[in-house]
Amino acid sequence: MAQIEDDGRPSLEPIRSAPEDPPLQALLPGLDRLSRSSFHKGTLSRRRINRAILLFLAVAGVTGALITASVVL
């Protein structure tokens, strides 16, 4: 589909769509930087990954406890 110019003629320039980001880019912007070496024992990235997993599990646990408590009470 061509764009219409102000004078009513179709534009010769094609319509460009926005560049597509990977599906999880908004939630996990650094996901494309992970590699096999990120998980080697003793590396800073592995410690950060472990902390992020623990934080996620803690938030999930607290959320689950609150939902359970609200249903029981």
Protein backbone atom coordinates (compact mmCIF):
# COMPACT_ATOMS: atom_id res chain seq x y z
CA MET A 1 0.00 0.00 0.00
CA ALA A 2 1.48 3.33 -1.03
CA GLN A 3 1.28 6.55 0.92
CA ILE A 4 -0.67 9.42 -0.62
CA GLU A 5 1.14 12.74 -1.05
CA ASP A 6 -0.52 16.12 -0.37
CA ASP A 7 -1.28 16.58 -4.07
CA GLY A 8 -3.15 13.24 -4.29
CA ARG A 9 -0.40 11.24 -6.06
CA PRO A 10 0.97 8.04 -4.51
CA SER A 11 4.38 8.38 -2.87
CA LEU A 12 7.32 6.61 -4.52
CA GLU A 13 8.92 5.87 -1.16
CA PRO A 14 7.83 2.53 0.38
CA ILE A 15 6.22 2.46 3.81
CA ARG A 16 8.72 1.33 6.42
CA SER A 17 7.46 -0.62 9.40
CA ALA A 18 8.97 -0.28 12.84
CA PRO A 19 11.93 -2.60 13.49
CA GLU A 20 10.80 -5.74 15.26
CA ASP A 21 12.28 -6.41 18.66
CA PRO A 22 12.60 -9.89 20.08
CA PRO A 23 9.42 -10.88 21.96
CA LEU A 24 10.92 -10.55 25.44
CA GLN A 25 12.97 -7.41 24.77
CA ALA A 26 10.75 -5.19 26.92
CA LEU A 27 10.85 -7.52 29.92
CA LEU A 28 14.41 -8.84 29.63
CA PRO A 29 16.53 -6.30 27.73
CA GLY A 30 19.83 -8.06 28.45
CA LEU A 31 18.65 -11.52 27.41
CA ASP A 32 20.53 -11.38 24.10
CA ARG A 33 23.81 -10.90 26.00
CA LEU A 34 23.60 -14.23 27.83
CA SER A 35 26.07 -16.84 26.71
CA ARG A 36 27.36 -20.17 27.93
CA SER A 37 30.17 -18.42 29.79
CA SER A 38 27.59 -16.45 31.80
CA PHE A 39 26.91 -19.61 33.79
CA HIS A 40 30.51 -20.58 34.60
CA LYS A 41 31.10 -21.02 38.31
CA GLY A 42 32.52 -17.97 40.08
CA THR A 43 31.69 -15.38 37.42
CA LEU A 44 29.98 -12.11 38.23
CA SER A 45 27.20 -12.78 35.75
CA ARG A 46 26.40 -16.12 37.38
CA ARG A 47 26.14 -14.44 40.78
CA ARG A 48 23.81 -11.83 39.31
CA ILE A 49 21.70 -14.52 37.65
CA ASN A 50 21.47 -16.45 40.93
CA ARG A 51 20.45 -13.29 42.82
CA ALA A 52 17.78 -12.49 40.24
CA ILE A 53 16.38 -16.04 40.45
CA LEU A 54 16.31 -15.90 44.26
CA LEU A 55 14.59 -12.51 44.18
CA PHE A 56 12.02 -13.80 41.70
CA LEU A 57 11.34 -16.87 43.85
CA ALA A 58 11.04 -14.73 46.99
CA VAL A 59 8.53 -12.38 45.33
CA ALA A 60 6.59 -15.36 43.96
CA GLY A 61 6.57 -16.95 47.45
CA VAL A 62 5.38 -13.80 49.17
CA THR A 63 2.69 -13.31 46.53
CA GLY A 64 1.55 -16.91 46.90
CA ALA A 65 1.47 -16.57 50.71
CA LEU A 66 -0.60 -13.38 50.48
CA ILE A 67 -3.08 -14.97 48.08
CA THR A 68 -3.36 -18.06 50.29
CA ALA A 69 -3.82 -15.94 53.41
CA SER A 70 -6.51 -13.82 51.76
CA VAL A 71 -8.44 -16.93 50.67
CA VAL A 72 -8.16 -18.60 54.09
CA LEU A 73 -9.05 -15.48 56.09
